[in-house]
Every structure is written in structure tokens, then in C-alpha cells.
Amino acid sequence: MSRSETSAGPRRGRPGYDRPTLVRECVDMFNRHGYEATSMGMLATHLGISKSAIYHHVESKEAILGEALDAALDALEAAFDRVEALSDGPVERVEAAVRATLQALADHMPEVTLLLRLRGNSEVELRAMERRRTITRRFGALLEAGQADGAVRDDVDPRNLARLALGMINSVVDWFRPDGPHTVEEMVRSVTGVVLAGVRG
């Protein structure tokens, strides 16, 4: 589904759910049971509405997936847009990228969790995975600039260093809970420190 379709505004079905709320509930089910294993019947039971009522909100299960993935990827891409527009030095831009990525992850954790579990079984998933690879390349370019400046370690290829750093960042979805004992700000600060310690020259 294209972004223009997902940004057309909420479509209402039975009372009690608008489109954003329904999508959030469905994403939660996808994350708990797996996208492939979650049927429209399961979603209907979870939501307490009929399958036909779901179709008043969304066109298909894949449309729900596409909307959720767009939310995650749009936030991550916007974070890199802001970082790449900075006039700071290379290491400051790397730090800004780490912080911005962590913040986007925290703001869209269910959607990012879904993104990280993709298997590439559909066109929607393949497009999302290519956008994710582009983000990795953009982070690699920031790290490469840091290597040229002497601020980032140069014993690892910048693309591989980006993969390693993003792997650490993405692991946050497995252990951080916004309603847990630590705030988002504390998480961003501590994880940023660990990641930077690993990439600095």
C-alpha cells in the first residue's frame, strides 16, 4: 500500500475503533504471535468485532502491515534527514544519529519491533527491508566520515560497523520497556554511551 493510501485519514467501521487504534491493536497481535501466524479471524476475536467490520477500517492484513512499517521507517528516515542536515563534526553527527535512532525506536517500538522481524515474504516486506538497508548505508556513510576524520575506529569496514552498532541499538526492543524502571531519556543516554565507546577511534 502506498503512503498516499495510508495517509488518507481514518476510515471508520463499528464504533469503538478508529483506524490508528485498530492498527496499533493489530500490530500488538503481530508481535505476539507473528505476522504470518496471525489470521484476520484472530484479529477479529482480539478486537471483539467481526472480520467484515475490520474491513471497514483497513483493506487487508497486508495493508495493516504496510501502514505499521511505514510509520517505523518514516520516523527512522526523518531522524537521519535531521542528522545529515547538521553542520557539526563527524563524531557529533554519529552521536546525533545514535540518539535520534534510539528516540525513534522508543517512539515507535511496536512498529520497529515488527520491522525487525520481517522475513521478506511479500512485496511490502521486501520494500521495507530495502528501506532499512538504505538507513544502514546512511549510517555507514556517517561512520566513514568519522573514520576519515580520525574520530571513528578504522579497523572495521564502515558498513559493517554500522551493522554492528545498529544491531546493538535494535536489541533495545528486546529488553527496554517504556513503563519499566528506566525512562526513555535514561535508556537513550546509556545505550548511546555504550555504542559510542565501541565505534570511537
N, C-alpha and C. Protein backbone atom coordinates (compact mmCIF):
# COMPACT_ATOMS: atom_id res chain seq x y z
N MET A 1 0.84 -1.19 0.00
CA MET A 1 0.00 0.00 0.00
C MET A 1 0.87 1.24 0.00
N SER A 2 0.52 2.23 -0.78
CA SER A 2 1.34 3.44 -0.90
C SER A 2 1.13 4.34 0.29
N ARG A 3 2.05 5.27 0.47
CA ARG A 3 1.92 6.21 1.59
C ARG A 3 0.68 7.09 1.43
N SER A 4 0.34 7.39 0.17
CA SER A 4 -0.84 8.23 -0.04
C SER A 4 -2.09 7.53 0.45
N GLU A 5 -2.11 6.19 0.33
CA GLU A 5 -3.26 5.45 0.81
C GLU A 5 -3.29 5.42 2.32
N THR A 6 -2.10 5.30 2.96
CA THR A 6 -2.08 5.21 4.40
C THR A 6 -2.28 6.56 5.06
N SER A 7 -2.10 7.66 4.31
CA SER A 7 -2.24 8.98 4.91
C SER A 7 -3.57 9.63 4.53
N ALA A 8 -4.48 8.84 4.01
CA ALA A 8 -5.74 9.40 3.56
C ALA A 8 -6.69 9.72 4.70
N GLY A 9 -6.31 9.36 5.91
CA GLY A 9 -7.15 9.65 7.06
C GLY A 9 -7.88 8.41 7.55
N PRO A 10 -8.41 8.46 8.77
CA PRO A 10 -9.06 7.29 9.34
C PRO A 10 -10.33 6.91 8.60
N ARG A 11 -10.52 5.61 8.50
CA ARG A 11 -11.76 5.09 7.95
C ARG A 11 -12.49 4.40 9.09
N ARG A 12 -13.69 4.77 9.33
CA ARG A 12 -14.40 4.25 10.50
C ARG A 12 -15.28 3.07 10.14
N GLY A 13 -15.28 2.10 11.04
CA GLY A 13 -16.18 0.96 10.93
C GLY A 13 -17.13 0.98 12.10
N ARG A 14 -17.18 -0.11 12.86
CA ARG A 14 -18.04 -0.11 14.03
C ARG A 14 -17.52 0.86 15.08
N PRO A 15 -18.42 1.40 15.91
CA PRO A 15 -17.97 2.32 16.97
C PRO A 15 -16.97 1.64 17.88
N GLY A 16 -16.05 2.44 18.45
CA GLY A 16 -15.09 1.91 19.40
C GLY A 16 -13.67 1.87 18.86
N TYR A 17 -13.50 1.85 17.56
CA TYR A 17 -12.17 1.84 16.97
C TYR A 17 -12.09 2.86 15.84
N ASP A 18 -11.05 3.69 15.89
CA ASP A 18 -10.69 4.42 14.68
C ASP A 18 -9.53 3.66 14.06
N ARG A 19 -9.12 4.06 12.88
CA ARG A 19 -8.10 3.30 12.16
C ARG A 19 -6.78 3.22 12.92
N PRO A 20 -6.24 4.33 13.44
CA PRO A 20 -4.97 4.23 14.15
C PRO A 20 -5.02 3.27 15.34
N THR A 21 -6.12 3.31 16.10
CA THR A 21 -6.24 2.42 17.25
C THR A 21 -6.30 0.97 16.81
N LEU A 22 -7.07 0.70 15.77
CA LEU A 22 -7.18 -0.66 15.27
C LEU A 22 -5.83 -1.16 14.77
N VAL A 23 -5.10 -0.32 14.05
CA VAL A 23 -3.78 -0.73 13.56
C VAL A 23 -2.85 -1.04 14.72
N ARG A 24 -2.85 -0.21 15.76
CA ARG A 24 -1.99 -0.47 16.92
C ARG A 24 -2.32 -1.80 17.56
N GLU A 25 -3.60 -2.11 17.70
CA GLU A 25 -4.01 -3.38 18.29
C GLU A 25 -3.56 -4.55 17.42
N CYS A 26 -3.67 -4.40 16.13
CA CYS A 26 -3.26 -5.47 15.21
C CYS A 26 -1.74 -5.66 15.25
N VAL A 27 -0.99 -4.58 15.32
CA VAL A 27 0.46 -4.68 15.40
C VAL A 27 0.86 -5.43 16.67
N ASP A 28 0.18 -5.16 17.75
CA ASP A 28 0.45 -5.88 19.00
C ASP A 28 0.24 -7.39 18.81
N MET A 29 -0.81 -7.76 18.11
CA MET A 29 -1.05 -9.17 17.82
C MET A 29 0.03 -9.75 16.92
N PHE A 30 0.44 -9.01 15.92
CA PHE A 30 1.50 -9.48 15.02
C PHE A 30 2.78 -9.75 15.81
N ASN A 31 3.10 -8.85 16.74
CA ASN A 31 4.32 -9.01 17.52
C ASN A 31 4.23 -10.17 18.50
N ARG A 32 3.05 -10.44 18.99
CA ARG A 32 2.88 -11.53 19.96
C ARG A 32 2.86 -12.90 19.30
N HIS A 33 2.24 -12.99 18.14
CA HIS A 33 2.02 -14.29 17.51
C HIS A 33 2.77 -14.48 16.20
N GLY A 34 3.36 -13.41 15.67
CA GLY A 34 3.99 -13.46 14.35
C GLY A 34 3.00 -13.03 13.29
N TYR A 35 3.49 -12.25 12.33
CA TYR A 35 2.59 -11.73 11.30
C TYR A 35 1.95 -12.86 10.50
N GLU A 36 2.76 -13.81 10.05
CA GLU A 36 2.25 -14.88 9.21
C GLU A 36 1.22 -15.73 9.96
N ALA A 37 1.44 -15.93 11.26
CA ALA A 37 0.56 -16.81 12.05
C ALA A 37 -0.71 -16.13 12.50
N THR A 38 -0.80 -14.82 12.34
CA THR A 38 -1.97 -14.08 12.81
C THR A 38 -2.98 -13.95 11.67
N SER A 39 -4.13 -14.56 11.85
CA SER A 39 -5.18 -14.50 10.82
C SER A 39 -6.13 -13.34 11.08
N MET A 40 -6.89 -12.99 10.09
CA MET A 40 -7.92 -11.95 10.28
C MET A 40 -8.94 -12.40 11.32
N GLY A 41 -9.20 -13.71 11.37
CA GLY A 41 -10.10 -14.22 12.41
C GLY A 41 -9.57 -13.99 13.80
N MET A 42 -8.26 -14.19 13.98
CA MET A 42 -7.64 -13.92 15.28
C MET A 42 -7.73 -12.44 15.62
N LEU A 43 -7.50 -11.59 14.62
CA LEU A 43 -7.60 -10.16 14.87
C LEU A 43 -9.02 -9.77 15.26
N ALA A 44 -9.99 -10.34 14.57
CA ALA A 44 -11.39 -10.03 14.87
C ALA A 44 -11.75 -10.44 16.30
N THR A 45 -11.29 -11.63 16.70
CA THR A 45 -11.56 -12.11 18.06
C THR A 45 -10.91 -11.19 19.09
N HIS A 46 -9.66 -10.80 18.84
CA HIS A 46 -8.95 -9.91 19.75
C HIS A 46 -9.64 -8.56 19.87
N LEU A 47 -10.11 -8.04 18.74
CA LEU A 47 -10.75 -6.72 18.72
C LEU A 47 -12.20 -6.77 19.19
N GLY A 48 -12.79 -7.95 19.18
CA GLY A 48 -14.19 -8.07 19.57
C GLY A 48 -15.16 -7.57 18.52
N ILE A 49 -14.74 -7.65 17.25
CA ILE A 49 -15.59 -7.24 16.14
C ILE A 49 -15.51 -8.32 15.06
N SER A 50 -16.37 -8.24 14.09
CA SER A 50 -16.37 -9.22 13.02
C SER A 50 -15.26 -8.90 12.01
N LYS A 51 -14.90 -9.91 11.21
CA LYS A 51 -13.90 -9.67 10.17
C LYS A 51 -14.39 -8.61 9.18
N SER A 52 -15.66 -8.65 8.85
CA SER A 52 -16.18 -7.66 7.92
C SER A 52 -16.08 -6.25 8.49
N ALA A 53 -16.20 -6.12 9.81
CA ALA A 53 -16.06 -4.80 10.43
C ALA A 53 -14.63 -4.29 10.33
N ILE A 54 -13.66 -5.21 10.40
CA ILE A 54 -12.26 -4.80 10.25
C ILE A 54 -12.05 -4.17 8.88
N TYR A 55 -12.72 -4.74 7.86
CA TYR A 55 -12.52 -4.25 6.50
C TYR A 55 -13.15 -2.88 6.28
N HIS A 56 -13.93 -2.40 7.24
CA HIS A 56 -14.39 -1.01 7.18
C HIS A 56 -13.25 -0.05 7.51
N HIS A 57 -12.25 -0.57 8.23
CA HIS A 57 -11.10 0.25 8.64
C HIS A 57 -9.92 0.10 7.69
N VAL A 58 -9.61 -1.14 7.30
CA VAL A 58 -8.41 -1.44 6.51
C VAL A 58 -8.76 -2.35 5.35
N GLU A 59 -7.95 -2.27 4.31
CA GLU A 59 -8.22 -3.03 3.10
C GLU A 59 -7.86 -4.50 3.23
N SER A 60 -6.81 -4.80 4.04
CA SER A 60 -6.32 -6.17 4.16
C SER A 60 -5.35 -6.25 5.33
N LYS A 61 -4.96 -7.47 5.67
CA LYS A 61 -3.94 -7.66 6.70
C LYS A 61 -2.62 -7.04 6.24
N GLU A 62 -2.30 -7.18 4.96
CA GLU A 62 -1.07 -6.62 4.43
C GLU A 62 -1.08 -5.09 4.49
N ALA A 63 -2.26 -4.49 4.35
CA ALA A 63 -2.36 -3.04 4.46
C ALA A 63 -2.01 -2.58 5.88
N ILE A 64 -2.42 -3.37 6.87
CA ILE A 64 -2.07 -3.06 8.26
C ILE A 64 -0.56 -3.13 8.42
N LEU A 65 0.04 -4.19 7.89
CA LEU A 65 1.50 -4.34 7.96
C LEU A 65 2.20 -3.16 7.29
N GLY A 66 1.75 -2.80 6.08
CA GLY A 66 2.38 -1.70 5.37
C GLY A 66 2.30 -0.39 6.12
N GLU A 67 1.15 -0.12 6.73
CA GLU A 67 0.99 1.12 7.47
C GLU A 67 1.91 1.16 8.68
N ALA A 68 2.03 0.04 9.37
CA ALA A 68 2.90 -0.02 10.54
C ALA A 68 4.37 0.13 10.15
N LEU A 69 4.78 -0.54 9.10
CA LEU A 69 6.17 -0.45 8.66
C LEU A 69 6.50 0.95 8.17
N ASP A 70 5.58 1.60 7.48
CA ASP A 70 5.80 2.98 7.04
C ASP A 70 6.00 3.90 8.23
N ALA A 71 5.23 3.69 9.30
CA ALA A 71 5.37 4.54 10.49
C ALA A 71 6.77 4.42 11.07
N ALA A 72 7.28 3.18 11.17
CA ALA A 72 8.62 2.97 11.71
C ALA A 72 9.68 3.56 10.81
N LEU A 73 9.61 3.26 9.53
CA LEU A 73 10.64 3.68 8.59
C LEU A 73 10.62 5.18 8.34
N ASP A 74 9.43 5.77 8.29
CA ASP A 74 9.34 7.22 8.13
C ASP A 74 10.04 7.93 9.28
N ALA A 75 9.85 7.43 10.51
CA ALA A 75 10.48 8.04 11.68
C ALA A 75 11.99 7.90 11.63
N LEU A 76 12.48 6.72 11.24
CA LEU A 76 13.92 6.50 11.17
C LEU A 76 14.56 7.34 10.06
N GLU A 77 13.90 7.40 8.91
CA GLU A 77 14.44 8.21 7.81
C GLU A 77 14.44 9.69 8.16
N ALA A 78 13.39 10.15 8.85
CA ALA A 78 13.34 11.55 9.26
C ALA A 78 14.46 11.86 10.24
N ALA A 79 14.78 10.91 11.11
CA ALA A 79 15.88 11.10 12.06
C ALA A 79 17.19 11.31 11.33
N PHE A 80 17.45 10.51 10.30
CA PHE A 80 18.69 10.67 9.54
C PHE A 80 18.68 11.93 8.69
N ASP A 81 17.52 12.32 8.19
CA ASP A 81 17.43 13.59 7.47
C ASP A 81 17.90 14.74 8.36
N ARG A 82 17.45 14.74 9.61
CA ARG A 82 17.83 15.82 10.53
C ARG A 82 19.32 15.79 10.84
N VAL A 83 19.84 14.58 11.06
CA VAL A 83 21.26 14.46 11.40
C VAL A 83 22.13 14.89 10.23
N GLU A 84 21.80 14.47 9.02
CA GLU A 84 22.61 14.80 7.85
C GLU A 84 22.58 16.29 7.52
N ALA A 85 21.57 16.99 8.04
CA ALA A 85 21.48 18.44 7.80
C ALA A 85 22.31 19.23 8.81
N LEU A 86 22.85 18.57 9.83
CA LEU A 86 23.64 19.27 10.84
C LEU A 86 24.98 19.71 10.27
N SER A 87 25.50 20.79 10.80
CA SER A 87 26.82 21.28 10.40
C SER A 87 27.89 20.86 11.40
N ASP A 88 27.56 19.98 12.33
CA ASP A 88 28.50 19.52 13.35
C ASP A 88 29.61 18.68 12.73
N GLY A 89 30.61 18.36 13.54
CA GLY A 89 31.69 17.50 13.10
C GLY A 89 31.22 16.05 12.97
N PRO A 90 32.05 15.20 12.36
CA PRO A 90 31.66 13.81 12.11
C PRO A 90 31.27 13.02 13.35
N VAL A 91 32.04 13.12 14.42
CA VAL A 91 31.72 12.34 15.61
C VAL A 91 30.44 12.84 16.27
N GLU A 92 30.22 14.16 16.20
CA GLU A 92 28.97 14.70 16.77
C GLU A 92 27.76 14.22 15.96
N ARG A 93 27.93 14.10 14.66
CA ARG A 93 26.83 13.62 13.82
C ARG A 93 26.56 12.14 14.06
N VAL A 94 27.62 11.37 14.29
CA VAL A 94 27.43 9.96 14.63
C VAL A 94 26.67 9.85 15.94
N GLU A 95 27.06 10.62 16.93
CA GLU A 95 26.34 10.59 18.21
C GLU A 95 24.89 11.01 18.03
N ALA A 96 24.67 12.05 17.23
CA ALA A 96 23.30 12.51 16.99
C ALA A 96 22.48 11.43 16.30
N ALA A 97 23.11 10.69 15.38
CA ALA A 97 22.40 9.62 14.68
C ALA A 97 22.01 8.50 15.63
N VAL A 98 22.92 8.15 16.54
CA VAL A 98 22.61 7.10 17.52
C VAL A 98 21.46 7.55 18.41
N ARG A 99 21.54 8.76 18.92
CA ARG A 99 20.48 9.27 19.80
C ARG A 99 19.13 9.35 19.06
N ALA A 100 19.16 9.84 17.84
CA ALA A 100 17.93 10.00 17.08
C ALA A 100 17.31 8.66 16.74
N THR A 101 18.15 7.68 16.41
CA THR A 101 17.64 6.34 16.11
C THR A 101 17.01 5.72 17.33
N LEU A 102 17.66 5.85 18.47
CA LEU A 102 17.10 5.31 19.71
C LEU A 102 15.78 5.98 20.06
N GLN A 103 15.69 7.29 19.86
CA GLN A 103 14.46 8.00 20.17
C GLN A 103 13.34 7.55 19.23
N ALA A 104 13.64 7.40 17.95
CA ALA A 104 12.63 6.93 17.00
C ALA A 104 12.16 5.54 17.37
N LEU A 105 13.11 4.69 17.78
CA LEU A 105 12.75 3.34 18.20
C LEU A 105 11.82 3.37 19.41
N ALA A 106 12.15 4.21 20.38
CA ALA A 106 11.31 4.30 21.58
C ALA A 106 9.92 4.85 21.25
N ASP A 107 9.86 5.81 20.33
CA ASP A 107 8.59 6.42 19.97
C ASP A 107 7.70 5.48 19.16
N HIS A 108 8.31 4.52 18.46
CA HIS A 108 7.56 3.62 17.58
C HIS A 108 7.97 2.17 17.85
N MET A 109 8.11 1.80 19.11
CA MET A 109 8.65 0.49 19.44
C MET A 109 7.85 -0.67 18.87
N PRO A 110 6.51 -0.68 18.94
CA PRO A 110 5.79 -1.82 18.36
C PRO A 110 6.03 -1.96 16.86
N GLU A 111 6.02 -0.83 16.16
CA GLU A 111 6.21 -0.86 14.71
C GLU A 111 7.65 -1.25 14.35
N VAL A 112 8.65 -0.74 15.10
CA VAL A 112 10.03 -1.10 14.84
C VAL A 112 10.26 -2.58 15.15
N THR A 113 9.65 -3.07 16.22
CA THR A 113 9.76 -4.49 16.55
C THR A 113 9.26 -5.34 15.40
N LEU A 114 8.14 -4.95 14.82
CA LEU A 114 7.59 -5.67 13.67
C LEU A 114 8.56 -5.60 12.49
N LEU A 115 9.13 -4.43 12.25
CA LEU A 115 10.09 -4.25 11.17
C LEU A 115 11.29 -5.19 11.31
N LEU A 116 11.79 -5.32 12.53
CA LEU A 116 12.99 -6.11 12.76
C LEU A 116 12.74 -7.60 12.61
N ARG A 117 11.48 -8.01 12.59
CA ARG A 117 11.15 -9.43 12.50
C ARG A 117 10.73 -9.86 11.10
N LEU A 118 10.86 -8.98 10.13
CA LEU A 118 10.43 -9.30 8.77
C LEU A 118 11.25 -10.44 8.18
N ARG A 119 10.60 -11.23 7.33
CA ARG A 119 11.27 -12.34 6.64
C ARG A 119 11.34 -12.12 5.13
N GLY A 120 10.73 -11.06 4.63
CA GLY A 120 10.77 -10.81 3.21
C GLY A 120 9.86 -11.71 2.41
N ASN A 121 8.70 -12.03 2.96
CA ASN A 121 7.77 -12.95 2.30
C ASN A 121 6.75 -12.27 1.40
N SER A 122 6.82 -10.96 1.27
CA SER A 122 5.86 -10.24 0.42
C SER A 122 6.53 -9.00 -0.13
N GLU A 123 5.89 -8.38 -1.12
CA GLU A 123 6.43 -7.15 -1.69
C GLU A 123 6.50 -6.05 -0.64
N VAL A 124 5.50 -5.98 0.22
CA VAL A 124 5.50 -4.97 1.29
C VAL A 124 6.73 -5.16 2.17
N GLU A 125 7.01 -6.39 2.55
CA GLU A 125 8.16 -6.67 3.40
C GLU A 125 9.47 -6.40 2.68
N LEU A 126 9.56 -6.79 1.43
CA LEU A 126 10.79 -6.56 0.68
C LEU A 126 11.09 -5.08 0.52
N ARG A 127 10.06 -4.28 0.26
CA ARG A 127 10.27 -2.83 0.15
C ARG A 127 10.74 -2.26 1.48
N ALA A 128 10.14 -2.73 2.57
CA ALA A 128 10.54 -2.24 3.90
C ALA A 128 11.98 -2.63 4.21
N MET A 129 12.37 -3.84 3.84
CA MET A 129 13.73 -4.28 4.10
C MET A 129 14.75 -3.49 3.30
N GLU A 130 14.39 -3.10 2.08
CA GLU A 130 15.30 -2.27 1.27
C GLU A 130 15.43 -0.88 1.89
N ARG A 131 14.35 -0.32 2.39
CA ARG A 131 14.43 0.98 3.07
C ARG A 131 15.31 0.87 4.31
N ARG A 132 15.19 -0.24 5.02
CA ARG A 132 16.03 -0.45 6.21
C ARG A 132 17.50 -0.55 5.81
N ARG A 133 17.80 -1.24 4.71
CA ARG A 133 19.19 -1.33 4.26
C ARG A 133 19.73 0.05 3.87
N THR A 134 18.87 0.89 3.31
CA THR A 134 19.30 2.24 2.96
C THR A 134 19.67 3.03 4.21
N ILE A 135 18.92 2.85 5.28
CA ILE A 135 19.24 3.52 6.55
C ILE A 135 20.61 3.05 7.04
N THR A 136 20.88 1.75 6.94
CA THR A 136 22.19 1.23 7.34
C THR A 136 23.29 1.87 6.52
N ARG A 137 23.07 2.02 5.20
CA ARG A 137 24.08 2.66 4.35
C ARG A 137 24.30 4.11 4.75
N ARG A 138 23.23 4.80 5.11
CA ARG A 138 23.37 6.19 5.53
C ARG A 138 24.18 6.29 6.83
N PHE A 139 23.95 5.39 7.74
CA PHE A 139 24.71 5.39 8.98
C PHE A 139 26.17 5.03 8.68
N GLY A 140 26.37 4.09 7.76
CA GLY A 140 27.73 3.75 7.36
C GLY A 140 28.47 4.94 6.79
N ALA A 141 27.78 5.77 6.02
CA ALA A 141 28.41 6.96 5.46
C ALA A 141 28.84 7.94 6.55
N LEU A 142 28.03 8.07 7.60
CA LEU A 142 28.40 8.94 8.72
C LEU A 142 29.63 8.39 9.44
N LEU A 143 29.66 7.07 9.61
CA LEU A 143 30.81 6.45 10.27
C LEU A 143 32.07 6.57 9.41
N GLU A 144 31.91 6.43 8.09
CA GLU A 144 33.05 6.56 7.19
C GLU A 144 33.64 7.97 7.27
N ALA A 145 32.78 8.97 7.37
CA ALA A 145 33.27 10.35 7.53
C ALA A 145 34.01 10.49 8.85
N GLY A 146 33.52 9.82 9.88
CA GLY A 146 34.22 9.83 11.16
C GLY A 146 35.56 9.14 11.09
N GLN A 147 35.66 8.07 10.30
CA GLN A 147 36.94 7.39 10.12
C GLN A 147 37.95 8.31 9.43
N ALA A 148 37.48 9.01 8.40
CA ALA A 148 38.36 9.92 7.67
C ALA A 148 38.87 11.05 8.56
N ASP A 149 38.05 11.39 9.55
CA ASP A 149 38.41 12.46 10.49
C ASP A 149 39.27 11.94 11.64
N GLY A 150 39.40 10.63 11.75
CA GLY A 150 40.18 10.04 12.84
C GLY A 150 39.41 9.88 14.12
N ALA A 151 38.10 10.16 14.10
CA ALA A 151 37.31 10.10 15.32
C ALA A 151 36.63 8.74 15.52
N VAL A 152 36.57 7.94 14.45
CA VAL A 152 35.91 6.64 14.50
C VAL A 152 36.93 5.56 14.14
N ARG A 153 36.87 4.44 14.82
CA ARG A 153 37.83 3.36 14.57
C ARG A 153 37.79 2.94 13.11
N ASP A 154 38.97 2.64 12.56
CA ASP A 154 39.06 2.32 11.14
C ASP A 154 39.47 0.88 10.88
N ASP A 155 39.42 0.03 11.93
CA ASP A 155 39.79 -1.37 11.75
C ASP A 155 38.60 -2.22 11.31
N VAL A 156 37.44 -1.59 11.14
CA VAL A 156 36.23 -2.29 10.69
C VAL A 156 35.64 -1.49 9.53
N ASP A 157 35.23 -2.18 8.48
CA ASP A 157 34.57 -1.51 7.36
C ASP A 157 33.38 -0.71 7.87
N PRO A 158 33.18 0.53 7.41
CA PRO A 158 32.12 1.37 7.97
C PRO A 158 30.72 0.76 7.84
N ARG A 159 30.46 0.04 6.75
CA ARG A 159 29.15 -0.60 6.60
C ARG A 159 28.96 -1.69 7.66
N ASN A 160 30.01 -2.47 7.90
CA ASN A 160 29.92 -3.50 8.93
C ASN A 160 29.83 -2.88 10.32
N LEU A 161 30.54 -1.78 10.52
CA LEU A 161 30.47 -1.09 11.80
C LEU A 161 29.06 -0.56 12.03
N ALA A 162 28.43 -0.07 10.95
CA ALA A 162 27.05 0.39 11.06
C ALA A 162 26.12 -0.76 11.44
N ARG A 163 26.33 -1.93 10.82
CA ARG A 163 25.50 -3.09 11.15
C ARG A 163 25.66 -3.49 12.61
N LEU A 164 26.91 -3.48 13.08
CA LEU A 164 27.15 -3.85 14.48
C LEU A 164 26.50 -2.86 15.44
N ALA A 165 26.67 -1.58 15.15
CA ALA A 165 26.10 -0.56 16.03
C ALA A 165 24.57 -0.61 16.02
N LEU A 166 24.00 -0.75 14.83
CA LEU A 166 22.54 -0.81 14.73
C LEU A 166 22.00 -2.09 15.36
N GLY A 167 22.78 -3.18 15.29
CA GLY A 167 22.35 -4.39 15.97
C GLY A 167 22.22 -4.18 17.47
N MET A 168 23.17 -3.45 18.05
CA MET A 168 23.09 -3.14 19.47
C MET A 168 21.90 -2.23 19.76
N ILE A 169 21.72 -1.22 18.91
CA ILE A 169 20.59 -0.31 19.09
C ILE A 169 19.27 -1.05 18.98
N ASN A 170 19.14 -1.90 17.96
CA ASN A 170 17.88 -2.61 17.74
C ASN A 170 17.56 -3.60 18.84
N SER A 171 18.58 -4.08 19.55
CA SER A 171 18.33 -5.03 20.64
C SER A 171 17.51 -4.42 21.76
N VAL A 172 17.42 -3.10 21.76
CA VAL A 172 16.64 -2.41 22.79
C VAL A 172 15.20 -2.90 22.83
N VAL A 173 14.65 -3.28 21.66
CA VAL A 173 13.26 -3.72 21.63
C VAL A 173 13.06 -4.99 22.45
N ASP A 174 14.15 -5.73 22.71
CA ASP A 174 14.03 -6.99 23.45
C ASP A 174 14.04 -6.82 24.96
N TRP A 175 14.52 -5.68 25.43
CA TRP A 175 14.65 -5.55 26.88
C TRP A 175 14.11 -4.26 27.46
N PHE A 176 14.00 -3.20 26.67
CA PHE A 176 13.53 -1.94 27.24
C PHE A 176 12.02 -1.86 27.22
N ARG A 177 11.44 -1.42 28.33
CA ARG A 177 10.01 -1.20 28.43
C ARG A 177 9.76 0.23 28.90
N PRO A 178 9.04 1.03 28.11
CA PRO A 178 8.80 2.43 28.49
C PRO A 178 8.14 2.59 29.85
N ASP A 179 7.39 1.58 30.30
CA ASP A 179 6.75 1.66 31.60
C ASP A 179 7.57 0.97 32.69
N GLY A 180 8.82 0.65 32.38
CA GLY A 180 9.70 -0.01 33.34
C GLY A 180 10.39 0.97 34.26
N PRO A 181 11.44 0.52 34.94
CA PRO A 181 12.10 1.35 35.95
C PRO A 181 12.94 2.48 35.38
N HIS A 182 13.28 2.41 34.08
CA HIS A 182 14.13 3.44 33.48
C HIS A 182 13.36 4.24 32.43
N THR A 183 13.62 5.53 32.39
CA THR A 183 12.94 6.39 31.42
C THR A 183 13.57 6.24 30.04
N VAL A 184 12.86 6.73 29.05
CA VAL A 184 13.41 6.73 27.69
C VAL A 184 14.71 7.54 27.66
N GLU A 185 14.72 8.67 28.34
CA GLU A 185 15.91 9.53 28.35
C GLU A 185 17.11 8.78 28.94
N GLU A 186 16.89 8.03 30.01
CA GLU A 186 17.97 7.26 30.62
C GLU A 186 18.45 6.17 29.66
N MET A 187 17.53 5.51 28.99
CA MET A 187 17.91 4.47 28.04
C MET A 187 18.73 5.05 26.91
N VAL A 188 18.27 6.16 26.33
CA VAL A 188 18.99 6.78 25.22
C VAL A 188 20.40 7.16 25.65
N ARG A 189 20.52 7.75 26.82
CA ARG A 189 21.83 8.19 27.30
C ARG A 189 22.77 7.01 27.52
N SER A 190 22.30 5.96 28.16
CA SER A 190 23.18 4.84 28.48
C SER A 190 23.55 4.04 27.23
N VAL A 191 22.60 3.77 26.36
CA VAL A 191 22.90 2.99 25.15
C VAL A 191 23.79 3.79 24.21
N THR A 192 23.56 5.09 24.11
CA THR A 192 24.42 5.94 23.28
C THR A 192 25.86 5.86 23.76
N GLY A 193 26.05 5.89 25.06
CA GLY A 193 27.41 5.82 25.62
C GLY A 193 28.08 4.50 25.26
N VAL A 194 27.34 3.40 25.34
CA VAL A 194 27.92 2.10 25.01
C VAL A 194 28.28 2.01 23.53
N VAL A 195 27.35 2.47 22.66
CA VAL A 195 27.60 2.40 21.23
C VAL A 195 28.79 3.27 20.85
N LEU A 196 28.85 4.47 21.36
CA LEU A 196 29.97 5.36 21.02
C LEU A 196 31.30 4.82 21.50
N ALA A 197 31.30 4.17 22.66
CA ALA A 197 32.53 3.57 23.17
C ALA A 197 33.04 2.49 22.21
N GLY A 198 32.13 1.85 21.50
CA GLY A 198 32.52 0.80 20.59
C GLY A 198 32.95 1.29 19.23
N VAL A 199 32.57 2.50 18.84
CA VAL A 199 32.90 2.96 17.49
C VAL A 199 33.99 4.04 17.46
N ARG A 200 34.27 4.64 18.59
CA ARG A 200 35.29 5.70 18.58
C ARG A 200 36.67 5.15 18.29
N GLY A 201 37.47 5.99 17.66
CA GLY A 201 38.83 5.62 17.33
C GLY A 201 39.75 5.74 18.54
